[in-house]
Amino acid sequence: MVATIIICLSLLALVGGIVYKIIKNKKEGKSSCSCGCGSCDACKK
């Protein structure tokens, strides 16, 4: 039971960190594809 809780909390922290990083990059204007193409339709979303 305790191991399950620890694993769930670890996964939750990992997913939370990933979401935080994505939001932070979005606010800084960085694209998710890492190509640096300002004219790309995917970067304008």
C-alpha atoms as a PDB file:
ATOM      1  CA  MET A   1       0.000   0.000   0.000  1.00  0.00           C
ATOM      2  CA  VAL A   2       2.739   2.469   0.937  1.00  0.00           C
ATOM      3  CA  ALA A   3       4.744   1.563  -2.178  1.00  0.00           C
ATOM      4  CA  THR A   4       1.727   2.294  -4.375  1.00  0.00           C
ATOM      5  CA  ILE A   5       1.300   5.730  -2.795  1.00  0.00           C
ATOM      6  CA  ILE A   6       5.004   6.521  -3.245  1.00  0.00           C
ATOM      7  CA  ILE A   7       4.924   5.451  -6.896  1.00  0.00           C
ATOM      8  CA  CYS A   8       1.765   7.482  -7.561  1.00  0.00           C
ATOM      9  CA  LEU A   9       3.255  10.583  -5.925  1.00  0.00           C
ATOM     10  CA  SER A  10       6.455  10.169  -7.940  1.00  0.00           C
ATOM     11  CA  LEU A  11       4.515   9.890 -11.191  1.00  0.00           C
ATOM     12  CA  LEU A  12       2.370  12.867 -10.240  1.00  0.00           C
ATOM     13  CA  ALA A  13       5.496  14.944  -9.546  1.00  0.00           C
ATOM     14  CA  LEU A  14       7.005  13.885 -12.874  1.00  0.00           C
ATOM     15  CA  VAL A  15       3.885  14.774 -14.858  1.00  0.00           C
ATOM     16  CA  GLY A  16       3.558  18.043 -12.939  1.00  0.00           C
ATOM     17  CA  GLY A  17       7.158  18.930 -13.779  1.00  0.00           C
ATOM     18  CA  ILE A  18       6.599  18.216 -17.457  1.00  0.00           C
ATOM     19  CA  VAL A  19       3.431  20.317 -17.560  1.00  0.00           C
ATOM     20  CA  TYR A  20       5.226  23.152 -15.723  1.00  0.00           C
ATOM     21  CA  LYS A  21       8.078  23.069 -18.233  1.00  0.00           C
ATOM     22  CA  ILE A  22       5.662  23.136 -21.197  1.00  0.00           C
ATOM     23  CA  ILE A  23       3.743  26.096 -19.746  1.00  0.00           C
ATOM     24  CA  LYS A  24       6.970  27.940 -18.920  1.00  0.00           C
ATOM     25  CA  ASN A  25       8.305  27.442 -22.463  1.00  0.00           C
ATOM     26  CA  LYS A  26       4.988  28.583 -23.934  1.00  0.00           C
ATOM     27  CA  LYS A  27       5.054  31.794 -21.880  1.00  0.00           C
ATOM     28  CA  GLU A  28       8.660  32.458 -22.962  1.00  0.00           C
ATOM     29  CA  GLY A  29       7.635  32.055 -26.616  1.00  0.00           C
ATOM     30  CA  LYS A  30       9.688  28.933 -27.220  1.00  0.00           C
ATOM     31  CA  SER A  31       8.268  26.438 -29.671  1.00  0.00           C
ATOM     32  CA  SER A  32       7.656  22.831 -28.721  1.00  0.00           C
ATOM     33  CA  CYS A  33       9.184  21.459 -31.913  1.00  0.00           C
ATOM     34  CA  SER A  34      12.616  23.066 -31.242  1.00  0.00           C
ATOM     35  CA  CYS A  35      13.002  24.024 -34.891  1.00  0.00           C
ATOM     36  CA  GLY A  36      12.984  27.796 -34.355  1.00  0.00           C
ATOM     37  CA  CYS A  37      10.830  28.462 -37.398  1.00  0.00           C
ATOM     38  CA  GLY A  38       8.729  31.579 -36.808  1.00  0.00           C
ATOM     39  CA  SER A  39       6.746  31.175 -40.032  1.00  0.00           C
ATOM     40  CA  CYS A  40       5.628  27.633 -39.210  1.00  0.00           C
ATOM     41  CA  ASP A  41       1.888  27.189 -38.514  1.00  0.00           C
ATOM     42  CA  ALA A  42       2.658  24.917 -35.558  1.00  0.00           C
ATOM     43  CA  CYS A  43       4.612  27.710 -33.853  1.00  0.00           C
ATOM     44  CA  LYS A  44       1.777  30.225 -34.154  1.00  0.00           C
ATOM     45  CA  LYS A  45      -0.704  28.261 -32.043  1.00  0.00           C
END
